[in-house]
Amino acid sequence: MVVTVLTGTPTEFDGPDGTYEVAEAESTFLLDARGPEESFALNDALPEGAVEDANDPQVAIFEVAPDRPTGQFEVRTALTGETKVRTGKKGKGKPRTKTFEALVAQGAFV
């Protein structure tokens, strides 16, 4: 089964200490709790000189039995965010960058 996904990544998310700007995002795909046989960015499969899709769709290829019952397809996106916080008494110290990780999981029955 071949699934093409537009993962979409937020530019920021809320966490402890405020709003975090997304510094890194990585999506993984699961079908019935198993990873794909192969996954890649669709733009990477285009011939040289072809116009790339600005949305950068991702492709996941799963090996499934022809009589497979309906199951769960899931996209998990791990986010690493950064925010500036102040240290010291009453926040009057030097600002520093604080990171926080979050996981966004979305699913559908297929």
Protein backbone atom coordinates (compact mmCIF):
# COMPACT_ATOMS: atom_id res chain seq x y z
CA MET A 1 0.00 0.00 0.00
CA VAL A 2 1.40 3.39 -1.00
CA VAL A 3 0.35 6.42 1.04
CA THR A 4 1.21 10.01 0.08
CA VAL A 5 0.97 12.40 3.02
CA LEU A 6 1.16 16.17 3.39
CA THR A 7 2.46 16.19 6.94
CA GLY A 8 2.36 19.90 7.66
CA THR A 9 4.29 21.20 10.62
CA PRO A 10 3.27 24.01 12.94
CA THR A 11 5.66 26.95 13.21
CA GLU A 12 5.16 27.13 16.99
CA PHE A 13 3.51 25.34 19.90
CA ASP A 14 2.69 26.04 23.54
CA GLY A 15 4.62 24.36 26.33
CA PRO A 16 5.95 25.08 29.80
CA ASP A 17 7.55 28.53 29.82
CA GLY A 18 5.42 29.85 26.94
CA THR A 19 5.40 29.55 23.17
CA TYR A 20 8.15 27.57 21.44
CA GLU A 21 9.25 28.20 17.87
CA VAL A 22 9.74 24.93 15.99
CA ALA A 23 13.44 24.38 15.29
CA GLU A 24 13.16 20.78 14.07
CA ALA A 25 10.35 18.49 12.99
CA GLU A 26 10.44 14.86 11.87
CA SER A 27 7.47 12.77 10.84
CA THR A 28 7.21 9.00 10.97
CA PHE A 29 4.43 6.77 9.69
CA LEU A 30 2.80 3.65 11.13
CA LEU A 31 0.26 1.23 9.74
CA ASP A 32 -1.19 -1.10 12.35
CA ALA A 33 1.72 -0.08 14.66
CA ARG A 34 4.39 -1.05 12.09
CA GLY A 35 6.70 1.22 10.17
CA PRO A 36 6.81 1.32 6.36
CA GLU A 37 9.09 -0.76 4.18
CA GLU A 38 10.27 2.51 2.69
CA SER A 39 9.53 6.23 3.06
CA PHE A 40 10.85 9.25 1.20
CA ALA A 41 10.04 12.79 0.17
CA LEU A 42 8.19 12.80 -3.16
CA ASN A 43 10.39 15.68 -4.35
CA ASP A 44 13.43 13.39 -3.95
CA ALA A 45 11.94 11.00 -6.53
CA LEU A 46 11.47 13.65 -9.23
CA PRO A 47 13.76 13.63 -12.26
CA GLU A 48 16.41 16.33 -12.39
CA GLY A 49 15.04 19.65 -13.58
CA ALA A 50 11.43 18.88 -12.57
CA VAL A 51 9.54 21.51 -10.59
CA GLU A 52 9.37 20.49 -6.94
CA ASP A 53 6.13 20.59 -4.96
CA ALA A 54 6.37 23.38 -2.35
CA ASN A 55 4.35 21.21 0.07
CA ASP A 56 7.02 18.45 -0.08
CA PRO A 57 4.65 15.44 0.17
CA GLN A 58 5.99 12.34 1.91
CA VAL A 59 5.49 8.81 0.59
CA ALA A 60 5.26 5.71 2.79
CA ILE A 61 5.19 2.22 1.29
CA PHE A 62 3.76 -0.61 3.40
CA GLU A 63 3.64 -4.30 2.59
CA VAL A 64 0.14 -5.58 3.33
CA ALA A 65 -1.78 -8.77 2.70
CA PRO A 66 -4.49 -8.55 0.01
CA ASP A 67 -7.14 -9.58 2.58
CA ARG A 68 -5.95 -7.14 5.26
CA PRO A 69 -8.82 -5.84 7.41
CA THR A 70 -9.29 -2.15 8.10
CA GLY A 71 -6.60 -0.84 10.42
CA GLN A 72 -5.00 2.29 11.82
CA PHE A 73 -2.71 4.61 9.86
CA GLU A 74 -0.84 7.09 12.03
CA VAL A 75 1.44 10.07 11.41
CA ARG A 76 3.67 11.02 14.34
CA THR A 77 5.53 14.31 14.17
CA ALA A 78 8.26 14.91 16.74
CA LEU A 79 8.82 18.62 17.32
CA THR A 80 11.75 20.36 18.98
CA GLY A 81 10.96 23.92 19.93
CA GLU A 82 12.97 26.81 21.33
CA THR A 83 12.02 29.82 23.43
CA LYS A 84 13.94 32.55 25.23
CA VAL A 85 13.70 32.64 29.03
CA ARG A 86 15.34 34.94 31.56
CA THR A 87 17.35 33.57 34.45
CA GLY A 88 18.12 35.07 37.83
CA LYS A 89 15.97 36.73 40.45
CA LYS A 90 12.61 37.85 39.10
CA GLY A 91 13.76 37.13 35.55
CA LYS A 92 16.28 39.98 35.48
CA GLY A 93 19.22 37.82 34.42
CA LYS A 94 20.56 37.04 30.98
CA PRO A 95 18.17 35.48 28.48
CA ARG A 96 18.91 31.92 27.43
CA THR A 97 17.39 29.51 24.99
CA LYS A 98 15.27 26.70 26.42
CA THR A 99 14.20 23.72 24.32
CA PHE A 100 11.17 21.50 24.68
CA GLU A 101 10.06 18.44 22.73
CA ALA A 102 6.49 17.62 21.79
CA LEU A 103 4.81 14.84 19.82
CA VAL A 104 1.82 15.36 17.54
CA ALA A 105 0.01 12.16 16.56
CA GLN A 106 -2.77 11.99 13.98
CA GLY A 107 -4.51 8.87 12.77
CA ALA A 108 -7.10 7.50 10.43
CA PHE A 109 -8.66 4.12 9.69
CA VAL A 110 -7.63 2.68 6.32
